[in-house]
C-alpha atoms as a PDB file:
ATOM      1  CA  UNK A   1      89.324 264.759 -67.085  1.00  0.00           C
ATOM      2  CA  UNK A   2      87.953 267.558 -69.432  1.00  0.00           C
ATOM      3  CA  UNK A   3      86.124 270.633 -68.269  1.00  0.00           C
ATOM      4  CA  UNK A   4      83.784 270.586 -71.141  1.00  0.00           C
ATOM      5  CA  UNK A   5      79.777 270.708 -70.560  1.00  0.00           C
ATOM      6  CA  UNK A   6      79.056 267.482 -72.009  1.00  0.00           C
ATOM      7  CA  UNK A   7      75.109 268.683 -71.560  1.00  0.00           C
ATOM      8  CA  UNK A   8      75.907 271.283 -74.282  1.00  0.00           C
ATOM      9  CA  UNK A   9      77.085 268.138 -76.563  1.00  0.00           C
ATOM     10  CA  UNK A  10      74.544 266.044 -75.499  1.00  0.00           C
ATOM     11  CA  UNK A  11      71.767 268.537 -76.373  1.00  0.00           C
ATOM     12  CA  UNK A  12      73.461 269.379 -79.627  1.00  0.00           C
ATOM     13  CA  UNK A  13      74.509 266.121 -80.789  1.00  0.00           C
ATOM     14  CA  UNK A  14      73.264 263.701 -78.593  1.00  0.00           C
ATOM     15  CA  UNK A  15      70.638 261.860 -81.037  1.00  0.00           C
ATOM     16  CA  UNK A  16      73.038 261.763 -83.906  1.00  0.00           C
ATOM     17  CA  UNK A  17      75.084 258.728 -84.837  1.00  0.00           C
ATOM     18  CA  UNK A  18      78.358 260.798 -84.619  1.00  0.00           C
ATOM     19  CA  UNK A  19      82.219 260.176 -84.715  1.00  0.00           C
ATOM     20  CA  UNK A  20      84.213 261.377 -81.872  1.00  0.00           C
ATOM     21  CA  UNK A  21      88.165 261.880 -81.953  1.00  0.00           C
ATOM     22  CA  UNK A  22      89.558 262.237 -78.545  1.00  0.00           C
ATOM     23  CA  UNK A  23      93.261 263.077 -79.483  1.00  0.00           C
ATOM     24  CA  UNK A  24      96.033 262.888 -77.037  1.00  0.00           C
ATOM     25  CA  UNK A  25      93.663 261.327 -74.555  1.00  0.00           C
ATOM     26  CA  UNK A  26      95.964 259.792 -72.267  1.00  0.00           C
ATOM     27  CA  UNK A  27      94.055 256.969 -70.302  1.00  0.00           C
ATOM     28  CA  UNK A  28      91.139 255.888 -72.447  1.00  0.00           C
ATOM     29  CA  UNK A  29      88.597 255.346 -69.248  1.00  0.00           C
ATOM     30  CA  UNK A  30      89.033 258.956 -69.038  1.00  0.00           C
ATOM     31  CA  UNK A  31      87.180 261.614 -71.602  1.00  0.00           C
ATOM     32  CA  UNK A  32      87.069 258.961 -74.056  1.00  0.00           C
ATOM     33  CA  UNK A  33      85.087 256.763 -71.829  1.00  0.00           C
ATOM     34  CA  UNK A  34      82.958 259.628 -70.593  1.00  0.00           C
ATOM     35  CA  UNK A  35      81.929 260.356 -74.242  1.00  0.00           C
ATOM     36  CA  UNK A  36      81.029 256.561 -75.124  1.00  0.00           C
ATOM     37  CA  UNK A  37      78.684 256.818 -71.841  1.00  0.00           C
ATOM     38  CA  UNK A  38      76.999 260.137 -72.375  1.00  0.00           C
ATOM     39  CA  UNK A  39      76.868 259.436 -76.370  1.00  0.00           C
ATOM     40  CA  UNK A  40      75.901 255.795 -76.850  1.00  0.00           C
ATOM     41  CA  UNK A  41      75.034 256.611 -80.644  1.00  0.00           C
ATOM     42  CA  UNK A  42      78.501 258.015 -80.964  1.00  0.00           C
ATOM     43  CA  UNK A  43      81.896 256.298 -82.178  1.00  0.00           C
ATOM     44  CA  UNK A  44      84.832 256.797 -80.496  1.00  0.00           C
ATOM     45  CA  UNK A  45      88.255 256.920 -81.792  1.00  0.00           C
ATOM     46  CA  UNK A  46      91.293 257.675 -79.457  1.00  0.00           C
ATOM     47  CA  UNK A  47      94.519 258.446 -79.454  1.00  0.00           C
ATOM     48  CA  UNK A  48      97.478 258.358 -77.610  1.00  0.00           C
ATOM     49  CA  UNK A  49     101.066 257.879 -78.326  1.00  0.00           C
ATOM     50  CA  UNK A  50     102.740 257.639 -74.749  1.00  0.00           C
ATOM     51  CA  UNK A  51     104.076 254.414 -74.084  1.00  0.00           C
ATOM     52  CA  UNK A  52     102.918 254.214 -70.503  1.00  0.00           C
ATOM     53  CA  UNK A  53      99.482 254.121 -71.758  1.00  0.00           C
ATOM     54  CA  UNK A  54      99.719 251.825 -74.629  1.00  0.00           C
ATOM     55  CA  UNK A  55      99.072 248.004 -72.683  1.00  0.00           C
ATOM     56  CA  UNK A  56      96.382 249.871 -70.503  1.00  0.00           C
ATOM     57  CA  UNK A  57      94.642 251.699 -73.182  1.00  0.00           C
ATOM     58  CA  UNK A  58      94.463 248.748 -75.675  1.00  0.00           C
ATOM     59  CA  UNK A  59      92.690 246.425 -72.785  1.00  0.00           C
ATOM     60  CA  UNK A  60      90.133 249.372 -71.598  1.00  0.00           C
ATOM     61  CA  UNK A  61      89.569 250.192 -75.456  1.00  0.00           C
ATOM     62  CA  UNK A  62      88.604 246.679 -76.200  1.00  0.00           C
ATOM     63  CA  UNK A  63      86.220 246.328 -73.002  1.00  0.00           C
ATOM     64  CA  UNK A  64      84.786 249.577 -73.686  1.00  0.00           C
ATOM     65  CA  UNK A  65      83.984 249.557 -77.560  1.00  0.00           C
ATOM     66  CA  UNK A  66      86.263 252.408 -78.405  1.00  0.00           C
ATOM     67  CA  UNK A  67      88.923 252.478 -81.247  1.00  0.00           C
ATOM     68  CA  UNK A  68      92.307 252.968 -79.804  1.00  0.00           C
ATOM     69  CA  UNK A  69      95.241 254.125 -81.855  1.00  0.00           C
ATOM     70  CA  UNK A  70      98.664 254.524 -80.297  1.00  0.00           C
ATOM     71  CA  UNK A  71      99.955 257.068 -82.456  1.00  0.00           C
ATOM     72  CA  UNK A  72     100.136 260.752 -82.518  1.00  0.00           C
ATOM     73  CA  UNK A  73      98.295 262.949 -85.032  1.00  0.00           C
ATOM     74  CA  UNK A  74     100.457 265.166 -86.533  1.00  0.00           C
ATOM     75  CA  UNK A  75     101.206 267.075 -89.896  1.00  0.00           C
ATOM     76  CA  UNK A  76     103.193 264.619 -91.147  1.00  0.00           C
ATOM     77  CA  UNK A  77     103.334 260.571 -91.614  1.00  0.00           C
ATOM     78  CA  UNK A  78     106.650 259.454 -89.907  1.00  0.00           C
ATOM     79  CA  UNK A  79     108.394 258.939 -86.912  1.00  0.00           C
ATOM     80  CA  UNK A  80     109.335 261.691 -84.344  1.00  0.00           C
ATOM     81  CA  UNK A  81     110.500 262.402 -80.977  1.00  0.00           C
ATOM     82  CA  UNK A  82     107.748 262.695 -78.504  1.00  0.00           C
ATOM     83  CA  UNK A  83     108.324 263.993 -74.777  1.00  0.00           C
ATOM     84  CA  UNK A  84     106.231 262.365 -72.190  1.00  0.00           C
ATOM     85  CA  UNK A  85     105.772 264.090 -68.789  1.00  0.00           C
ATOM     86  CA  UNK A  86     107.168 262.474 -65.581  1.00  0.00           C
ATOM     87  CA  UNK A  87     106.220 264.965 -62.741  1.00  0.00           C
ATOM     88  CA  UNK A  88     104.466 268.258 -62.223  1.00  0.00           C
ATOM     89  CA  UNK A  89     104.787 269.978 -59.127  1.00  0.00           C
ATOM     90  CA  UNK A  90     106.806 267.130 -57.787  1.00  0.00           C
ATOM     91  CA  UNK A  91     103.925 264.228 -58.171  1.00  0.00           C
ATOM     92  CA  UNK A  92     104.214 261.509 -61.067  1.00  0.00           C
ATOM     93  CA  UNK A  93     102.041 262.754 -63.812  1.00  0.00           C
ATOM     94  CA  UNK A  94     101.799 260.671 -66.877  1.00  0.00           C
ATOM     95  CA  UNK A  95      99.123 262.330 -68.350  1.00  0.00           C
ATOM     96  CA  UNK A  96     101.379 265.284 -70.300  1.00  0.00           C
ATOM     97  CA  UNK A  97     103.581 265.162 -73.225  1.00  0.00           C
ATOM     98  CA  UNK A  98     104.005 266.482 -76.705  1.00  0.00           C
ATOM     99  CA  UNK A  99     105.707 266.196 -79.951  1.00  0.00           C
ATOM    100  CA  UNK A 100     107.023 269.657 -79.382  1.00  0.00           C
ATOM    101  CA  UNK A 101     110.135 269.966 -77.375  1.00  0.00           C
ATOM    102  CA  UNK A 102     109.475 271.389 -74.143  1.00  0.00           C
ATOM    103  CA  UNK A 103     111.794 274.842 -73.656  1.00  0.00           C
ATOM    104  CA  UNK A 104     111.766 273.871 -69.703  1.00  0.00           C
ATOM    105  CA  UNK A 105     110.365 277.109 -68.558  1.00  0.00           C
ATOM    106  CA  UNK A 106     107.838 277.172 -65.713  1.00  0.00           C
ATOM    107  CA  UNK A 107     103.989 277.349 -66.511  1.00  0.00           C
ATOM    108  CA  UNK A 108     101.761 279.499 -64.762  1.00  0.00           C
ATOM    109  CA  UNK A 109     100.108 276.409 -63.039  1.00  0.00           C
ATOM    110  CA  UNK A 110     103.517 274.797 -61.725  1.00  0.00           C
ATOM    111  CA  UNK A 111     106.259 273.116 -63.267  1.00  0.00           C
ATOM    112  CA  UNK A 112     106.634 269.850 -65.532  1.00  0.00           C
ATOM    113  CA  UNK A 113     109.961 267.857 -65.301  1.00  0.00           C
ATOM    114  CA  UNK A 114     109.960 265.479 -68.374  1.00  0.00           C
ATOM    115  CA  UNK A 115     111.135 261.774 -68.893  1.00  0.00           C
ATOM    116  CA  UNK A 116     112.809 260.185 -71.455  1.00  0.00           C
ATOM    117  CA  UNK A 117     112.079 261.236 -75.007  1.00  0.00           C
ATOM    118  CA  UNK A 118     110.430 258.485 -76.987  1.00  0.00           C
ATOM    119  CA  UNK A 119     110.037 257.593 -80.779  1.00  0.00           C
ATOM    120  CA  UNK A 120     106.303 257.901 -81.836  1.00  0.00           C
ATOM    121  CA  UNK A 121     104.672 256.953 -85.273  1.00  0.00           C
ATOM    122  CA  UNK A 122     102.523 260.198 -86.529  1.00  0.00           C
ATOM    123  CA  UNK A 123      99.744 260.355 -89.226  1.00  0.00           C
ATOM    124  CA  UNK A 124      98.286 263.095 -90.770  1.00  0.00           C
ATOM    125  CA  UNK A 125      94.775 263.664 -89.551  1.00  0.00           C
ATOM    126  CA  UNK A 126      93.553 263.650 -93.439  1.00  0.00           C
ATOM    127  CA  UNK A 127      95.678 260.270 -94.359  1.00  0.00           C
ATOM    128  CA  UNK A 128      93.762 258.668 -90.936  1.00  0.00           C
ATOM    129  CA  UNK A 129      90.329 259.611 -92.175  1.00  0.00           C
ATOM    130  CA  UNK A 130      91.100 258.703 -95.536  1.00  0.00           C
ATOM    131  CA  UNK A 131      92.396 255.259 -94.722  1.00  0.00           C
ATOM    132  CA  UNK A 132      89.607 254.296 -92.087  1.00  0.00           C
ATOM    133  CA  UNK A 133      86.824 256.258 -93.804  1.00  0.00           C
ATOM    134  CA  UNK A 134      85.887 258.471 -91.163  1.00  0.00           C
ATOM    135  CA  UNK A 135      85.186 261.960 -90.839  1.00  0.00           C
ATOM    136  CA  UNK A 136      84.865 263.166 -87.264  1.00  0.00           C
ATOM    137  CA  UNK A 137      82.060 265.212 -86.287  1.00  0.00           C
ATOM    138  CA  UNK A 138      83.677 266.409 -82.876  1.00  0.00           C
ATOM    139  CA  UNK A 139      87.254 266.723 -81.961  1.00  0.00           C
ATOM    140  CA  UNK A 140      88.416 267.092 -78.393  1.00  0.00           C
ATOM    141  CA  UNK A 141      92.110 267.578 -78.257  1.00  0.00           C
ATOM    142  CA  UNK A 142      94.954 268.069 -75.557  1.00  0.00           C
ATOM    143  CA  UNK A 143      98.270 267.361 -77.446  1.00  0.00           C
ATOM    144  CA  UNK A 144     100.239 270.090 -75.521  1.00  0.00           C
ATOM    145  CA  UNK A 145     100.823 272.467 -78.472  1.00  0.00           C
ATOM    146  CA  UNK A 146     100.405 270.600 -81.448  1.00  0.00           C
ATOM    147  CA  UNK A 147      97.111 271.502 -81.851  1.00  0.00           C
ATOM    148  CA  UNK A 148      97.852 273.773 -84.967  1.00  0.00           C
ATOM    149  CA  UNK A 149      99.907 270.845 -86.534  1.00  0.00           C
ATOM    150  CA  UNK A 150      97.038 268.406 -86.066  1.00  0.00           C
ATOM    151  CA  UNK A 151      94.552 270.653 -87.689  1.00  0.00           C
ATOM    152  CA  UNK A 152      96.551 271.819 -90.576  1.00  0.00           C
ATOM    153  CA  UNK A 153      95.914 269.317 -92.493  1.00  0.00           C
ATOM    154  CA  UNK A 154      92.072 268.670 -92.039  1.00  0.00           C
ATOM    155  CA  UNK A 155      90.996 268.932 -95.700  1.00  0.00           C
ATOM    156  CA  UNK A 156      87.682 268.074 -96.244  1.00  0.00           C
ATOM    157  CA  UNK A 157      87.306 266.033 -93.136  1.00  0.00           C
ATOM    158  CA  UNK A 158      86.053 269.230 -90.836  1.00  0.00           C
ATOM    159  CA  UNK A 159      83.860 268.322 -87.864  1.00  0.00           C
ATOM    160  CA  UNK A 160      81.166 270.180 -86.578  1.00  0.00           C
ATOM    161  CA  UNK A 161      82.853 271.607 -83.359  1.00  0.00           C
ATOM    162  CA  UNK A 162      86.084 271.375 -81.919  1.00  0.00           C
ATOM    163  CA  UNK A 163      87.502 271.445 -78.281  1.00  0.00           C
ATOM    164  CA  UNK A 164      90.846 272.001 -77.927  1.00  0.00           C
ATOM    165  CA  UNK A 165      93.424 273.315 -75.503  1.00  0.00           C
ATOM    166  CA  UNK A 166      95.011 276.642 -76.603  1.00  0.00           C
ATOM    167  CA  UNK A 167      97.340 277.771 -73.501  1.00  0.00           C
ATOM    168  CA  UNK A 168     100.636 275.664 -74.515  1.00  0.00           C
ATOM    169  CA  UNK A 169     101.498 277.385 -77.925  1.00  0.00           C
ATOM    170  CA  UNK A 170     104.185 279.684 -76.401  1.00  0.00           C
ATOM    171  CA  UNK A 171     104.122 278.856 -72.716  1.00  0.00           C
ATOM    172  CA  UNK A 172     105.785 275.642 -72.137  1.00  0.00           C
ATOM    173  CA  UNK A 173     107.060 274.221 -75.559  1.00  0.00           C
ATOM    174  CA  UNK A 174     109.036 275.101 -78.668  1.00  0.00           C
ATOM    175  CA  UNK A 175     105.897 274.924 -81.138  1.00  0.00           C
ATOM    176  CA  UNK A 176     106.860 277.197 -84.074  1.00  0.00           C
ATOM    177  CA  UNK A 177     103.419 278.561 -83.919  1.00  0.00           C
ATOM    178  CA  UNK A 178     101.246 280.763 -81.891  1.00  0.00           C
ATOM    179  CA  UNK A 179      98.128 281.319 -80.539  1.00  0.00           C
ATOM    180  CA  UNK A 180      97.179 283.959 -82.969  1.00  0.00           C
ATOM    181  CA  UNK A 181      98.531 281.471 -85.679  1.00  0.00           C
ATOM    182  CA  UNK A 182      95.867 278.787 -84.662  1.00  0.00           C
ATOM    183  CA  UNK A 183      93.076 281.457 -84.093  1.00  0.00           C
ATOM    184  CA  UNK A 184      93.058 282.508 -87.676  1.00  0.00           C
ATOM    185  CA  UNK A 185      93.637 278.635 -89.212  1.00  0.00           C
ATOM    186  CA  UNK A 186      90.140 277.747 -87.231  1.00  0.00           C
ATOM    187  CA  UNK A 187      88.862 280.882 -88.703  1.00  0.00           C
ATOM    188  CA  UNK A 188      90.285 280.186 -92.280  1.00  0.00           C
ATOM    189  CA  UNK A 189      88.814 276.911 -92.075  1.00  0.00           C
ATOM    190  CA  UNK A 190      84.956 278.120 -91.275  1.00  0.00           C
ATOM    191  CA  UNK A 191      84.745 277.765 -87.587  1.00  0.00           C
ATOM    192  CA  UNK A 192      83.741 280.405 -85.113  1.00  0.00           C
ATOM    193  CA  UNK A 193      84.747 280.420 -81.491  1.00  0.00           C
ATOM    194  CA  UNK A 194      81.868 280.210 -79.024  1.00  0.00           C
ATOM    195  CA  UNK A 195      83.716 279.664 -75.804  1.00  0.00           C
ATOM    196  CA  UNK A 196      86.713 280.621 -74.336  1.00  0.00           C
ATOM    197  CA  UNK A 197      88.522 280.321 -70.298  1.00  0.00           C
ATOM    198  CA  UNK A 198      91.949 281.167 -71.509  1.00  0.00           C
ATOM    199  CA  UNK A 199      93.022 277.518 -71.343  1.00  0.00           C
ATOM    200  CA  UNK A 200      90.269 275.816 -73.743  1.00  0.00           C
ATOM    201  CA  UNK A 201      88.145 276.858 -76.354  1.00  0.00           C
ATOM    202  CA  UNK A 202      85.123 275.719 -77.962  1.00  0.00           C
ATOM    203  CA  UNK A 203      84.872 276.325 -82.276  1.00  0.00           C
ATOM    204  CA  UNK A 204      81.781 275.666 -84.239  1.00  0.00           C
ATOM    205  CA  UNK A 205      81.292 275.683 -87.739  1.00  0.00           C
ATOM    206  CA  UNK A 206      80.080 279.055 -88.911  1.00  0.00           C
ATOM    207  CA  UNK A 207      77.177 277.777 -90.782  1.00  0.00           C
ATOM    208  CA  UNK A 208      76.147 275.233 -88.106  1.00  0.00           C
ATOM    209  CA  UNK A 209      73.277 276.520 -85.430  1.00  0.00           C
ATOM    210  CA  UNK A 210      73.869 275.489 -82.075  1.00  0.00           C
ATOM    211  CA  UNK A 211      72.155 276.259 -78.310  1.00  0.00           C
ATOM    212  CA  UNK A 212      74.490 278.746 -76.394  1.00  0.00           C
ATOM    213  CA  UNK A 213      77.481 277.226 -74.721  1.00  0.00           C
ATOM    214  CA  UNK A 214      77.412 277.263 -70.728  1.00  0.00           C
ATOM    215  CA  UNK A 215      80.657 276.820 -68.824  1.00  0.00           C
ATOM    216  CA  UNK A 216      80.801 273.387 -66.722  1.00  0.00           C
ATOM    217  CA  UNK A 217      79.505 274.124 -63.147  1.00  0.00           C
ATOM    218  CA  UNK A 218      82.719 273.285 -61.211  1.00  0.00           C
END
């Protein structure tokens, strides 16, 4: 589950009929379901491309009233190779993976082992938004180094706030980008960073007035 402080979300956006994109959701009954429960006025769009989650997510999304799409959001509309995680520190771990190729080095918290690569469909964020006539108000994303790819084609579909994992650009995958490039992209798009724990960061549009963000209590 995400470390985002959902009280901040509720305080700032809880009374609004907003659209939430949970990109790289793994299990739909995780963060996507949490957002649906805590923000009942919101419409939830969940995205995951790992085959291991397809059947479960399709049924759970229908049961929970979540819009599920078995695709990877990226910077192209095509098919690409997805690298799913198999184990983490020796334990079964289907919760990770990326469309960026693993570089097989150790990461600070431990070591991943990847499973067999899969061919998955990708879609640009602006293409998805235009096709489905929706603009996200909040994006929650964990796509293991592909965050820059997703947001580089956001176009005019800019949410009020973005929560993104930022520690995998150079650690674990060959992303062809860096954290500095990602940070500059968000700045160019009109966002300011209001929180960072060196793993996840929260950005809001610089024209938006929000309450101060306090770290989630463990």
